[in-house]
Structures are given as C-alpha cells and as structure tokens.
C-alpha cells in the first residue's frame, strides 16, 4: 500500500499557469486547479474571481525526497521571475489520498441552468436546473475553476438538439456530460490520459448519458486522421497546449461554419493566440473573461 504527499500552492491566475506547468513534471497523473471563492459559491450565480489552489500528489517512495527537492527548486527559480509562494507538502495515507481533495469541492451554479454538485451529497434544485453529479477523482474538472465555468456557459449557448460535439482533453468529462444533458445527441469525450478516460466514463454512467457520450483515450491525431466531423468543439486546455495542437489541423474536426471554443488561456496570451487560430481559418467571433482567464469563441470559415 502506497502513501502519498500532497503538494499545493495558493496563487493568482498567472501563477496557477506557472505552478501547474512545474507540478505536472513531478506529480502522479496530473494536477488539479481549484478556485477558493469568498462566501458560498452556491448562492452566487456569477463567475467568481479570487485565489486559486494548484494541487498534486506524488508517492512516498525512495524518490520522494528527490522529487520534493526538485519541486522546491523549480518553484524557487520560477518565483524569481513571477512571485510564487513556497509549496506546502502534506503526508496523506493511501486510504485517504483519493478523497483528500473532496473537502475543497462544493456545489456550484453556472450560467442559467447548470448545477454542478459532488456526487456524494444532495442539493436543493429547481425544476429548470440541469444537475450534473461529479466525482472527478484525480482528473481535472470539478466546475469550480473559472475556465471550466466559462466553458460551461458556452455549452449552454451551443448544446442544441440535433448537434454533435467533441470535448478535447475531457478530464472528468464535465463538459461532455453538460453538452449531452443540454441537448447534443452525440458527444465524444477525448483525453490522452487513461485515468481521465476511466473517470469520465464513470461520470458519464453516473449521470445517465451513456447513450449519448463516448469517453475515449486518444490524441487529436486520432480524429484528424479520420473523416469524423462535429458541429462544435471545446478545448479547455492551456495556451501552450492549444498552440501545439494548431499545426495538427484541429480545425478539420468541425464542419465549416462550426464553432470551436478554447479556454484555459491567460489574458496576456490572447493577442498571440488569436492570429494563430486565424491562420487555420478559425475566425474569432467572441470572447469572455473571468478574472485572469479568457475563453475564445471561434468559427471555422466556410470556403
């Protein structure tokens, strides 16, 4: 049985991007970025700003001291360019590690009708609410991060009956599930991470949308190398990952005239990213900002 060490930092939006890039090199199967909203998020239907917590886990083994030292050194050097706090390290028993983050996860209302709730609690909802029960485990996507909330609002706008959608980097599957519950008849939840795909499939089944949503492990190339097309797509990733995907002809996975929503982008990265998207015929038709984070809404040009 393996025990774990939790590493966490409380930062702002730009700091979260930097810290997440560092922790991904060392922690087990990815990181979680959480908003720490003031007050009760359940009562506030607007997107919140405030501190973020970047969190990850690595095993207690013969390499633990080396990993901790490398994280501390990487954060220290990064903090000379951008202010970052010292990381906090907490020991967690095997029986507790998978549930350790649950104390930070609470119900949240997004947009006009979406309610995201932890799968293990009950909440009071109205007749028009679309309730999504989530247990993200170690996959990204609880609905509390501003980028996920931005994407959920976009899902409310574009998930129409008769449309099909793909979620690139699905994580917990939260966006794919929301799209299915809001009307999409076919949804592909794609991720390169085996654990994320397993978690997404469990959440798909938990929310009763297995007939509409397929969770699949694979890269963007697994789509661009086929003739599959979608009416619209979402990629809640980071600006650097999006830039890496642009040369892979990601625009061809949606039909001409289809929408492609990108999030996980810091405000200062927008001016660099828009021309790159324009260069592959994804024209900007709108954007939305929450704190330091921006969502870009693009449309594939019709020849």
C-alpha atoms as a PDB file:
ATOM      1  CA  UNK A   1       0.000   0.000   0.000  1.00  0.00           C
ATOM      2  CA  UNK A   2       1.403   3.378  -1.045  1.00  0.00           C
ATOM      3  CA  UNK A   3       1.143   6.587   0.940  1.00  0.00           C
ATOM      4  CA  UNK A   4       1.178   9.957  -0.804  1.00  0.00           C
ATOM      5  CA  UNK A   5       2.437  13.506  -0.422  1.00  0.00           C
ATOM      6  CA  UNK A   6       0.153  16.362  -1.425  1.00  0.00           C
ATOM      7  CA  UNK A   7       1.882  19.457  -2.799  1.00  0.00           C
ATOM      8  CA  UNK A   8      -0.120  22.659  -3.119  1.00  0.00           C
ATOM      9  CA  UNK A   9       0.285  26.384  -3.788  1.00  0.00           C
ATOM     10  CA  UNK A  10      -2.231  29.227  -3.466  1.00  0.00           C
ATOM     11  CA  UNK A  11      -1.721  31.658  -6.346  1.00  0.00           C
ATOM     12  CA  UNK A  12      -3.407  34.018  -8.797  1.00  0.00           C
ATOM     13  CA  UNK A  13      -4.305  33.100 -12.389  1.00  0.00           C
ATOM     14  CA  UNK A  14      -0.903  33.620 -13.975  1.00  0.00           C
ATOM     15  CA  UNK A  15       0.789  31.993 -11.017  1.00  0.00           C
ATOM     16  CA  UNK A  16      -1.521  28.978 -11.412  1.00  0.00           C
ATOM     17  CA  UNK A  17      -0.387  28.545 -15.010  1.00  0.00           C
ATOM     18  CA  UNK A  18       3.273  28.625 -13.985  1.00  0.00           C
ATOM     19  CA  UNK A  19       2.832  26.371 -10.955  1.00  0.00           C
ATOM     20  CA  UNK A  20       0.746  23.855 -12.901  1.00  0.00           C
ATOM     21  CA  UNK A  21       3.403  23.585 -15.618  1.00  0.00           C
ATOM     22  CA  UNK A  22       6.013  22.857 -12.943  1.00  0.00           C
ATOM     23  CA  UNK A  23       3.997  20.346 -10.906  1.00  0.00           C
ATOM     24  CA  UNK A  24       2.957  18.354 -13.990  1.00  0.00           C
ATOM     25  CA  UNK A  25       6.592  17.233 -14.324  1.00  0.00           C
ATOM     26  CA  UNK A  26       6.628  15.551 -10.930  1.00  0.00           C
ATOM     27  CA  UNK A  27       3.177  14.571  -9.671  1.00  0.00           C
ATOM     28  CA  UNK A  28       1.050  11.495 -10.277  1.00  0.00           C
ATOM     29  CA  UNK A  29      -1.290  11.685 -13.284  1.00  0.00           C
ATOM     30  CA  UNK A  30      -1.736  15.432 -13.449  1.00  0.00           C
ATOM     31  CA  UNK A  31      -2.782  18.360 -11.284  1.00  0.00           C
ATOM     32  CA  UNK A  32      -5.985  19.972 -10.058  1.00  0.00           C
ATOM     33  CA  UNK A  33      -6.590  23.727 -10.098  1.00  0.00           C
ATOM     34  CA  UNK A  34      -9.308  24.888  -7.714  1.00  0.00           C
ATOM     35  CA  UNK A  35     -10.933  28.231  -7.077  1.00  0.00           C
ATOM     36  CA  UNK A  36     -11.240  29.343  -3.455  1.00  0.00           C
ATOM     37  CA  UNK A  37     -14.308  31.538  -3.711  1.00  0.00           C
ATOM     38  CA  UNK A  38     -15.215  34.008  -0.977  1.00  0.00           C
ATOM     39  CA  UNK A  39     -18.546  33.173   0.636  1.00  0.00           C
ATOM     40  CA  UNK A  40     -20.882  30.488  -0.591  1.00  0.00           C
ATOM     41  CA  UNK A  41     -20.468  29.849  -4.320  1.00  0.00           C
ATOM     42  CA  UNK A  42     -23.835  28.105  -4.319  1.00  0.00           C
ATOM     43  CA  UNK A  43     -25.624  31.396  -3.704  1.00  0.00           C
ATOM     44  CA  UNK A  44     -23.794  33.389  -6.366  1.00  0.00           C
ATOM     45  CA  UNK A  45     -24.602  32.753  -9.999  1.00  0.00           C
ATOM     46  CA  UNK A  46     -21.802  34.892 -11.430  1.00  0.00           C
ATOM     47  CA  UNK A  47     -18.297  33.819 -12.285  1.00  0.00           C
ATOM     48  CA  UNK A  48     -16.017  34.362  -9.339  1.00  0.00           C
ATOM     49  CA  UNK A  49     -12.541  35.790  -9.035  1.00  0.00           C
ATOM     50  CA  UNK A  50     -10.099  35.068  -6.278  1.00  0.00           C
ATOM     51  CA  UNK A  51      -7.157  32.904  -5.279  1.00  0.00           C
ATOM     52  CA  UNK A  52      -6.552  29.560  -6.908  1.00  0.00           C
ATOM     53  CA  UNK A  53      -5.027  26.445  -5.401  1.00  0.00           C
ATOM     54  CA  UNK A  54      -2.817  24.241  -7.565  1.00  0.00           C
ATOM     55  CA  UNK A  55      -2.645  20.743  -6.123  1.00  0.00           C
ATOM     56  CA  UNK A  56      -0.972  17.439  -6.990  1.00  0.00           C
ATOM     57  CA  UNK A  57       0.234  14.197  -5.411  1.00  0.00           C
ATOM     58  CA  UNK A  58       3.367  12.056  -5.588  1.00  0.00           C
ATOM     59  CA  UNK A  59       4.061   8.722  -3.871  1.00  0.00           C
ATOM     60  CA  UNK A  60       6.032   8.171  -0.695  1.00  0.00           C
ATOM     61  CA  UNK A  61       8.852   6.016  -2.053  1.00  0.00           C
ATOM     62  CA  UNK A  62      12.630   6.032  -2.380  1.00  0.00           C
ATOM     63  CA  UNK A  63      12.401   9.044  -4.724  1.00  0.00           C
ATOM     64  CA  UNK A  64      10.187  11.233  -2.529  1.00  0.00           C
ATOM     65  CA  UNK A  65      12.989  13.430  -1.160  1.00  0.00           C
ATOM     66  CA  UNK A  66      14.436  13.988  -4.618  1.00  0.00           C
ATOM     67  CA  UNK A  67      11.007  14.868  -6.046  1.00  0.00           C
ATOM     68  CA  UNK A  68      10.286  17.279  -3.201  1.00  0.00           C
ATOM     69  CA  UNK A  69      13.655  18.972  -3.642  1.00  0.00           C
ATOM     70  CA  UNK A  70      13.145  19.306  -7.404  1.00  0.00           C
ATOM     71  CA  UNK A  71       9.709  20.862  -6.903  1.00  0.00           C
ATOM     72  CA  UNK A  72      11.046  23.309  -4.327  1.00  0.00           C
ATOM     73  CA  UNK A  73      13.951  24.300  -6.575  1.00  0.00           C
ATOM     74  CA  UNK A  74      11.750  24.707  -9.656  1.00  0.00           C
ATOM     75  CA  UNK A  75       9.264  26.884  -7.756  1.00  0.00           C
ATOM     76  CA  UNK A  76      12.106  28.933  -6.273  1.00  0.00           C
ATOM     77  CA  UNK A  77      13.660  29.721  -9.649  1.00  0.00           C
ATOM     78  CA  UNK A  78      10.270  30.455 -11.211  1.00  0.00           C
ATOM     79  CA  UNK A  79       9.470  32.820  -8.333  1.00  0.00           C
ATOM     80  CA  UNK A  80      12.431  34.988  -9.296  1.00  0.00           C
ATOM     81  CA  UNK A  81      10.524  35.854 -12.477  1.00  0.00           C
ATOM     82  CA  UNK A  82       6.990  35.807 -11.067  1.00  0.00           C
ATOM     83  CA  UNK A  83       6.050  35.837  -7.352  1.00  0.00           C
ATOM     84  CA  UNK A  84       5.112  32.356  -6.144  1.00  0.00           C
ATOM     85  CA  UNK A  85       4.744  31.124  -2.569  1.00  0.00           C
ATOM     86  CA  UNK A  86       6.696  28.210  -1.209  1.00  0.00           C
ATOM     87  CA  UNK A  87       4.848  24.945  -1.889  1.00  0.00           C
ATOM     88  CA  UNK A  88       3.151  23.200   1.020  1.00  0.00           C
ATOM     89  CA  UNK A  89       3.691  19.455   1.454  1.00  0.00           C
ATOM     90  CA  UNK A  90       1.252  17.244   3.376  1.00  0.00           C
ATOM     91  CA  UNK A  91       1.512  13.494   4.016  1.00  0.00           C
ATOM     92  CA  UNK A  92      -1.622  11.514   3.169  1.00  0.00           C
ATOM     93  CA  UNK A  93      -2.366   7.858   3.806  1.00  0.00           C
ATOM     94  CA  UNK A  94      -3.332   5.582   0.938  1.00  0.00           C
ATOM     95  CA  UNK A  95      -6.842   5.207   2.347  1.00  0.00           C
ATOM     96  CA  UNK A  96      -7.301   8.993   2.321  1.00  0.00           C
ATOM     97  CA  UNK A  97      -5.452  10.302  -0.720  1.00  0.00           C
ATOM     98  CA  UNK A  98      -8.170   9.724  -3.321  1.00  0.00           C
ATOM     99  CA  UNK A  99     -10.621  11.615  -1.112  1.00  0.00           C
ATOM    100  CA  UNK A 100      -8.262  14.313   0.185  1.00  0.00           C
ATOM    101  CA  UNK A 101      -9.399  16.964  -2.292  1.00  0.00           C
ATOM    102  CA  UNK A 102     -13.098  16.413  -1.539  1.00  0.00           C
ATOM    103  CA  UNK A 103     -13.033  18.818   1.395  1.00  0.00           C
ATOM    104  CA  UNK A 104     -12.411  21.613  -1.166  1.00  0.00           C
ATOM    105  CA  UNK A 105     -15.248  20.612  -3.515  1.00  0.00           C
ATOM    106  CA  UNK A 106     -18.735  22.098  -3.126  1.00  0.00           C
ATOM    107  CA  UNK A 107     -21.871  22.656  -5.249  1.00  0.00           C
ATOM    108  CA  UNK A 108     -21.692  25.499  -7.762  1.00  0.00           C
ATOM    109  CA  UNK A 109     -24.250  27.060 -10.079  1.00  0.00           C
ATOM    110  CA  UNK A 110     -23.072  28.119 -13.547  1.00  0.00           C
ATOM    111  CA  UNK A 111     -24.956  30.024 -16.214  1.00  0.00           C
ATOM    112  CA  UNK A 112     -28.740  29.973 -16.255  1.00  0.00           C
ATOM    113  CA  UNK A 113     -29.496  26.338 -15.517  1.00  0.00           C
ATOM    114  CA  UNK A 114     -26.389  24.258 -14.765  1.00  0.00           C
ATOM    115  CA  UNK A 115     -25.779  22.973 -11.249  1.00  0.00           C
ATOM    116  CA  UNK A 116     -22.572  21.044 -10.585  1.00  0.00           C
ATOM    117  CA  UNK A 117     -22.635  19.017  -7.394  1.00  0.00           C
ATOM    118  CA  UNK A 118     -20.332  16.477  -5.767  1.00  0.00           C
ATOM    119  CA  UNK A 119     -21.735  13.015  -6.350  1.00  0.00           C
ATOM    120  CA  UNK A 120     -21.723  12.214  -2.632  1.00  0.00           C
ATOM    121  CA  UNK A 121     -24.083  14.999  -1.461  1.00  0.00           C
ATOM    122  CA  UNK A 122     -27.651  16.121  -2.169  1.00  0.00           C
ATOM    123  CA  UNK A 123     -28.617  19.700  -3.017  1.00  0.00           C
ATOM    124  CA  UNK A 124     -31.900  21.540  -3.460  1.00  0.00           C
ATOM    125  CA  UNK A 125     -32.531  22.390  -7.126  1.00  0.00           C
ATOM    126  CA  UNK A 126     -35.283  23.968  -9.182  1.00  0.00           C
ATOM    127  CA  UNK A 127     -37.413  22.370 -11.924  1.00  0.00           C
ATOM    128  CA  UNK A 128     -35.391  24.023 -14.717  1.00  0.00           C
ATOM    129  CA  UNK A 129     -31.970  23.103 -13.337  1.00  0.00           C
ATOM    130  CA  UNK A 130     -29.686  20.738 -15.211  1.00  0.00           C
ATOM    131  CA  UNK A 131     -27.890  18.829 -12.457  1.00  0.00           C
ATOM    132  CA  UNK A 132     -24.506  17.240 -13.093  1.00  0.00           C
ATOM    133  CA  UNK A 133     -23.171  14.944 -10.367  1.00  0.00           C
ATOM    134  CA  UNK A 134     -19.387  14.709 -10.463  1.00  0.00           C
ATOM    135  CA  UNK A 135     -16.687  12.647  -8.815  1.00  0.00           C
ATOM    136  CA  UNK A 136     -13.593  13.846 -10.678  1.00  0.00           C
ATOM    137  CA  UNK A 137     -11.110  11.768  -8.698  1.00  0.00           C
ATOM    138  CA  UNK A 138      -7.674  12.827  -9.914  1.00  0.00           C
ATOM    139  CA  UNK A 139      -8.957  14.099 -13.279  1.00  0.00           C
ATOM    140  CA  UNK A 140      -9.284  17.826 -13.958  1.00  0.00           C
ATOM    141  CA  UNK A 141     -12.786  19.269 -13.906  1.00  0.00           C
ATOM    142  CA  UNK A 142     -14.910  19.974 -10.837  1.00  0.00           C
ATOM    143  CA  UNK A 143     -16.713  23.024 -12.200  1.00  0.00           C
ATOM    144  CA  UNK A 144     -15.089  25.394  -9.708  1.00  0.00           C
ATOM    145  CA  UNK A 145     -12.249  26.641 -11.909  1.00  0.00           C
ATOM    146  CA  UNK A 146     -13.031  29.828 -13.885  1.00  0.00           C
ATOM    147  CA  UNK A 147     -12.001  28.237 -17.203  1.00  0.00           C
ATOM    148  CA  UNK A 148     -14.415  25.343 -16.670  1.00  0.00           C
ATOM    149  CA  UNK A 149     -17.198  27.753 -15.724  1.00  0.00           C
ATOM    150  CA  UNK A 150     -16.582  29.780 -18.864  1.00  0.00           C
ATOM    151  CA  UNK A 151     -16.801  26.606 -20.963  1.00  0.00           C
ATOM    152  CA  UNK A 152     -19.979  25.503 -19.206  1.00  0.00           C
ATOM    153  CA  UNK A 153     -21.593  28.790 -20.151  1.00  0.00           C
ATOM    154  CA  UNK A 154     -20.548  28.188 -23.764  1.00  0.00           C
ATOM    155  CA  UNK A 155     -22.061  24.703 -23.562  1.00  0.00           C
ATOM    156  CA  UNK A 156     -25.364  26.301 -22.551  1.00  0.00           C
ATOM    157  CA  UNK A 157     -25.207  28.501 -25.653  1.00  0.00           C
ATOM    158  CA  UNK A 158     -24.243  25.864 -28.224  1.00  0.00           C
ATOM    159  CA  UNK A 159     -25.587  22.492 -26.996  1.00  0.00           C
ATOM    160  CA  UNK A 160     -28.672  22.321 -29.203  1.00  0.00           C
ATOM    161  CA  UNK A 161     -30.787  19.263 -30.010  1.00  0.00           C
ATOM    162  CA  UNK A 162     -29.535  17.553 -33.151  1.00  0.00           C
ATOM    163  CA  UNK A 163     -25.938  18.712 -32.790  1.00  0.00           C
ATOM    164  CA  UNK A 164     -22.815  16.676 -32.065  1.00  0.00           C
ATOM    165  CA  UNK A 165     -19.823  17.850 -30.028  1.00  0.00           C
ATOM    166  CA  UNK A 166     -16.278  16.819 -29.121  1.00  0.00           C
ATOM    167  CA  UNK A 167     -14.519  17.730 -25.868  1.00  0.00           C
ATOM    168  CA  UNK A 168     -10.732  17.735 -26.383  1.00  0.00           C
ATOM    169  CA  UNK A 169      -8.917  16.975 -23.114  1.00  0.00           C
ATOM    170  CA  UNK A 170     -12.125  15.995 -21.355  1.00  0.00           C
ATOM    171  CA  UNK A 171     -10.615  15.339 -17.909  1.00  0.00           C
ATOM    172  CA  UNK A 172     -13.522  14.426 -15.633  1.00  0.00           C
ATOM    173  CA  UNK A 173     -15.977  14.599 -18.561  1.00  0.00           C
ATOM    174  CA  UNK A 174     -17.892  17.525 -17.091  1.00  0.00           C
ATOM    175  CA  UNK A 175     -18.265  19.487 -20.352  1.00  0.00           C
ATOM    176  CA  UNK A 176     -19.230  16.439 -22.380  1.00  0.00           C
ATOM    177  CA  UNK A 177     -21.878  15.464 -19.822  1.00  0.00           C
ATOM    178  CA  UNK A 178     -23.273  19.004 -19.760  1.00  0.00           C
ATOM    179  CA  UNK A 179     -23.495  19.022 -23.574  1.00  0.00           C
ATOM    180  CA  UNK A 180     -25.415  15.744 -23.579  1.00  0.00           C
ATOM    181  CA  UNK A 181     -27.814  16.868 -20.858  1.00  0.00           C
ATOM    182  CA  UNK A 182     -28.458  20.139 -22.687  1.00  0.00           C
ATOM    183  CA  UNK A 183     -29.431  18.504 -25.980  1.00  0.00           C
ATOM    184  CA  UNK A 184     -26.490  17.167 -28.000  1.00  0.00           C
ATOM    185  CA  UNK A 185     -27.366  13.777 -29.428  1.00  0.00           C
ATOM    186  CA  UNK A 186     -23.744  12.599 -29.800  1.00  0.00           C
ATOM    187  CA  UNK A 187     -20.690  13.648 -27.768  1.00  0.00           C
ATOM    188  CA  UNK A 188     -17.100  12.426 -27.826  1.00  0.00           C
ATOM    189  CA  UNK A 189     -15.088  12.920 -24.609  1.00  0.00           C
ATOM    190  CA  UNK A 190     -11.444  12.593 -25.688  1.00  0.00           C
ATOM    191  CA  UNK A 191      -8.337  12.542 -23.497  1.00  0.00           C
ATOM    192  CA  UNK A 192      -4.806  11.173 -23.762  1.00  0.00           C
ATOM    193  CA  UNK A 193      -4.790  10.218 -20.064  1.00  0.00           C
ATOM    194  CA  UNK A 194      -6.011   6.686 -19.308  1.00  0.00           C
ATOM    195  CA  UNK A 195      -7.147   7.623 -15.794  1.00  0.00           C
ATOM    196  CA  UNK A 196      -9.067  10.661 -17.057  1.00  0.00           C
ATOM    197  CA  UNK A 197     -10.925   8.496 -19.569  1.00  0.00           C
ATOM    198  CA  UNK A 198     -11.848   5.988 -16.861  1.00  0.00           C
ATOM    199  CA  UNK A 199     -13.071   8.768 -14.551  1.00  0.00           C
ATOM    200  CA  UNK A 200     -15.003  10.421 -17.396  1.00  0.00           C
ATOM    201  CA  UNK A 201     -16.727   7.132 -18.244  1.00  0.00           C
ATOM    202  CA  UNK A 202     -17.716   6.637 -14.606  1.00  0.00           C
ATOM    203  CA  UNK A 203     -19.199  10.158 -14.513  1.00  0.00           C
ATOM    204  CA  UNK A 204     -20.997   9.576 -17.813  1.00  0.00           C
ATOM    205  CA  UNK A 205     -22.664   6.490 -16.344  1.00  0.00           C
ATOM    206  CA  UNK A 206     -23.366   8.297 -13.063  1.00  0.00           C
ATOM    207  CA  UNK A 207     -25.279  10.997 -14.965  1.00  0.00           C
ATOM    208  CA  UNK A 208     -27.237   8.634 -17.180  1.00  0.00           C
ATOM    209  CA  UNK A 209     -25.891   9.850 -20.536  1.00  0.00           C
ATOM    210  CA  UNK A 210     -24.102   6.686 -21.725  1.00  0.00           C
ATOM    211  CA  UNK A 211     -26.322   6.542 -24.807  1.00  0.00           C
ATOM    212  CA  UNK A 212     -25.015   9.945 -25.944  1.00  0.00           C
ATOM    213  CA  UNK A 213     -21.426  10.237 -24.658  1.00  0.00           C
ATOM    214  CA  UNK A 214     -18.435   8.092 -25.561  1.00  0.00           C
ATOM    215  CA  UNK A 215     -15.286   8.527 -23.454  1.00  0.00           C
ATOM    216  CA  UNK A 216     -12.236   7.577 -25.491  1.00  0.00           C
ATOM    217  CA  UNK A 217      -8.486   7.623 -24.965  1.00  0.00           C
ATOM    218  CA  UNK A 218      -6.652   9.216 -27.854  1.00  0.00           C
ATOM    219  CA  UNK A 219      -4.906  12.263 -29.250  1.00  0.00           C
ATOM    220  CA  UNK A 220      -6.115  14.877 -31.697  1.00  0.00           C
ATOM    221  CA  UNK A 221      -4.456  12.843 -34.460  1.00  0.00           C
ATOM    222  CA  UNK A 222      -6.938  10.055 -33.766  1.00  0.00           C
ATOM    223  CA  UNK A 223      -9.631  12.435 -35.066  1.00  0.00           C
ATOM    224  CA  UNK A 224      -7.842  14.358 -37.807  1.00  0.00           C
ATOM    225  CA  UNK A 225      -6.733  11.075 -39.412  1.00  0.00           C
ATOM    226  CA  UNK A 226     -10.378  10.032 -39.879  1.00  0.00           C
ATOM    227  CA  UNK A 227     -13.374  11.561 -41.632  1.00  0.00           C
ATOM    228  CA  UNK A 228     -15.235  12.277 -38.367  1.00  0.00           C
ATOM    229  CA  UNK A 229     -16.638  15.785 -38.072  1.00  0.00           C
ATOM    230  CA  UNK A 230     -18.548  17.582 -35.322  1.00  0.00           C
ATOM    231  CA  UNK A 231     -20.826  20.618 -35.233  1.00  0.00           C
ATOM    232  CA  UNK A 232     -18.784  22.206 -32.466  1.00  0.00           C
ATOM    233  CA  UNK A 233     -15.857  21.510 -30.181  1.00  0.00           C
ATOM    234  CA  UNK A 234     -14.404  22.587 -26.840  1.00  0.00           C
ATOM    235  CA  UNK A 235     -10.757  22.560 -25.768  1.00  0.00           C
ATOM    236  CA  UNK A 236     -10.316  23.643 -22.146  1.00  0.00           C
ATOM    237  CA  UNK A 237      -6.551  23.229 -22.046  1.00  0.00           C
ATOM    238  CA  UNK A 238      -3.767  25.826 -21.811  1.00  0.00           C
ATOM    239  CA  UNK A 239      -2.493  28.307 -24.368  1.00  0.00           C
ATOM    240  CA  UNK A 240       0.723  26.323 -24.835  1.00  0.00           C
ATOM    241  CA  UNK A 241      -1.117  23.074 -25.494  1.00  0.00           C
ATOM    242  CA  UNK A 242      -3.511  24.816 -27.878  1.00  0.00           C
ATOM    243  CA  UNK A 243      -0.540  26.244 -29.775  1.00  0.00           C
ATOM    244  CA  UNK A 244       0.898  22.739 -30.064  1.00  0.00           C
ATOM    245  CA  UNK A 245      -2.405  21.464 -31.498  1.00  0.00           C
ATOM    246  CA  UNK A 246      -2.769  24.184 -34.150  1.00  0.00           C
ATOM    247  CA  UNK A 247      -0.256  22.619 -36.597  1.00  0.00           C
ATOM    248  CA  UNK A 248      -2.184  19.329 -36.291  1.00  0.00           C
ATOM    249  CA  UNK A 249      -5.094  20.728 -38.343  1.00  0.00           C
ATOM    250  CA  UNK A 250      -7.519  20.755 -35.437  1.00  0.00           C
ATOM    251  CA  UNK A 251      -9.940  22.926 -37.442  1.00  0.00           C
ATOM    252  CA  UNK A 252     -10.870  19.947 -39.624  1.00  0.00           C
ATOM    253  CA  UNK A 253     -12.614  18.071 -36.806  1.00  0.00           C
ATOM    254  CA  UNK A 254     -15.539  20.517 -37.067  1.00  0.00           C
ATOM    255  CA  UNK A 255     -17.691  21.224 -40.100  1.00  0.00           C
ATOM    256  CA  UNK A 256     -17.242  24.510 -41.998  1.00  0.00           C
ATOM    257  CA  UNK A 257     -19.284  27.081 -40.112  1.00  0.00           C
ATOM    258  CA  UNK A 258     -18.922  25.088 -36.879  1.00  0.00           C
ATOM    259  CA  UNK A 259     -17.839  26.617 -33.569  1.00  0.00           C
ATOM    260  CA  UNK A 260     -14.617  25.858 -31.713  1.00  0.00           C
ATOM    261  CA  UNK A 261     -14.336  27.096 -28.123  1.00  0.00           C
ATOM    262  CA  UNK A 262     -10.920  27.463 -26.479  1.00  0.00           C
ATOM    263  CA  UNK A 263     -10.317  28.146 -22.801  1.00  0.00           C
ATOM    264  CA  UNK A 264      -7.544  27.852 -20.225  1.00  0.00           C
ATOM    265  CA  UNK A 265      -5.972  30.984 -21.732  1.00  0.00           C
ATOM    266  CA  UNK A 266      -4.489  33.812 -19.698  1.00  0.00           C
ATOM    267  CA  UNK A 267      -5.449  37.339 -20.743  1.00  0.00           C
ATOM    268  CA  UNK A 268      -1.906  38.262 -21.792  1.00  0.00           C
ATOM    269  CA  UNK A 269      -1.742  35.219 -24.105  1.00  0.00           C
ATOM    270  CA  UNK A 270      -4.788  36.168 -26.170  1.00  0.00           C
ATOM    271  CA  UNK A 271      -3.056  38.539 -28.585  1.00  0.00           C
ATOM    272  CA  UNK A 272      -0.557  35.835 -29.545  1.00  0.00           C
ATOM    273  CA  UNK A 273      -3.106  33.044 -29.870  1.00  0.00           C
ATOM    274  CA  UNK A 274      -5.767  34.765 -31.993  1.00  0.00           C
ATOM    275  CA  UNK A 275      -3.560  35.193 -35.112  1.00  0.00           C
ATOM    276  CA  UNK A 276      -2.531  31.546 -34.887  1.00  0.00           C
ATOM    277  CA  UNK A 277      -6.163  30.454 -34.840  1.00  0.00           C
ATOM    278  CA  UNK A 278      -6.987  32.851 -37.677  1.00  0.00           C
ATOM    279  CA  UNK A 279      -4.185  31.292 -39.719  1.00  0.00           C
ATOM    280  CA  UNK A 280      -6.035  27.969 -39.768  1.00  0.00           C
ATOM    281  CA  UNK A 281      -9.378  29.543 -40.692  1.00  0.00           C
ATOM    282  CA  UNK A 282     -10.792  29.747 -37.175  1.00  0.00           C
ATOM    283  CA  UNK A 283     -12.104  33.310 -37.015  1.00  0.00           C
ATOM    284  CA  UNK A 284     -12.778  34.919 -33.655  1.00  0.00           C
ATOM    285  CA  UNK A 285     -16.477  35.654 -33.125  1.00  0.00           C
ATOM    286  CA  UNK A 286     -16.493  36.309 -29.381  1.00  0.00           C
ATOM    287  CA  UNK A 287     -14.628  36.099 -26.130  1.00  0.00           C
ATOM    288  CA  UNK A 288     -15.451  36.079 -22.436  1.00  0.00           C
ATOM    289  CA  UNK A 289     -13.198  36.779 -19.460  1.00  0.00           C
ATOM    290  CA  UNK A 290     -13.308  35.693 -15.802  1.00  0.00           C
ATOM    291  CA  UNK A 291     -10.516  37.136 -13.712  1.00  0.00           C
ATOM    292  CA  UNK A 292      -7.212  36.401 -15.462  1.00  0.00           C
ATOM    293  CA  UNK A 293      -8.738  33.760 -17.736  1.00  0.00           C
ATOM    294  CA  UNK A 294     -10.196  34.167 -21.232  1.00  0.00           C
ATOM    295  CA  UNK A 295     -12.381  31.958 -23.398  1.00  0.00           C
ATOM    296  CA  UNK A 296     -12.193  32.413 -27.172  1.00  0.00           C
ATOM    297  CA  UNK A 297     -15.156  31.500 -29.380  1.00  0.00           C
ATOM    298  CA  UNK A 298     -14.185  30.841 -32.980  1.00  0.00           C
ATOM    299  CA  UNK A 299     -15.937  29.704 -36.135  1.00  0.00           C
ATOM    300  CA  UNK A 300     -14.443  27.701 -38.983  1.00  0.00           C
ATOM    301  CA  UNK A 301     -14.618  29.736 -42.160  1.00  0.00           C
ATOM    302  CA  UNK A 302     -16.808  28.479 -44.989  1.00  0.00           C
ATOM    303  CA  UNK A 303     -14.904  28.237 -48.262  1.00  0.00           C
END
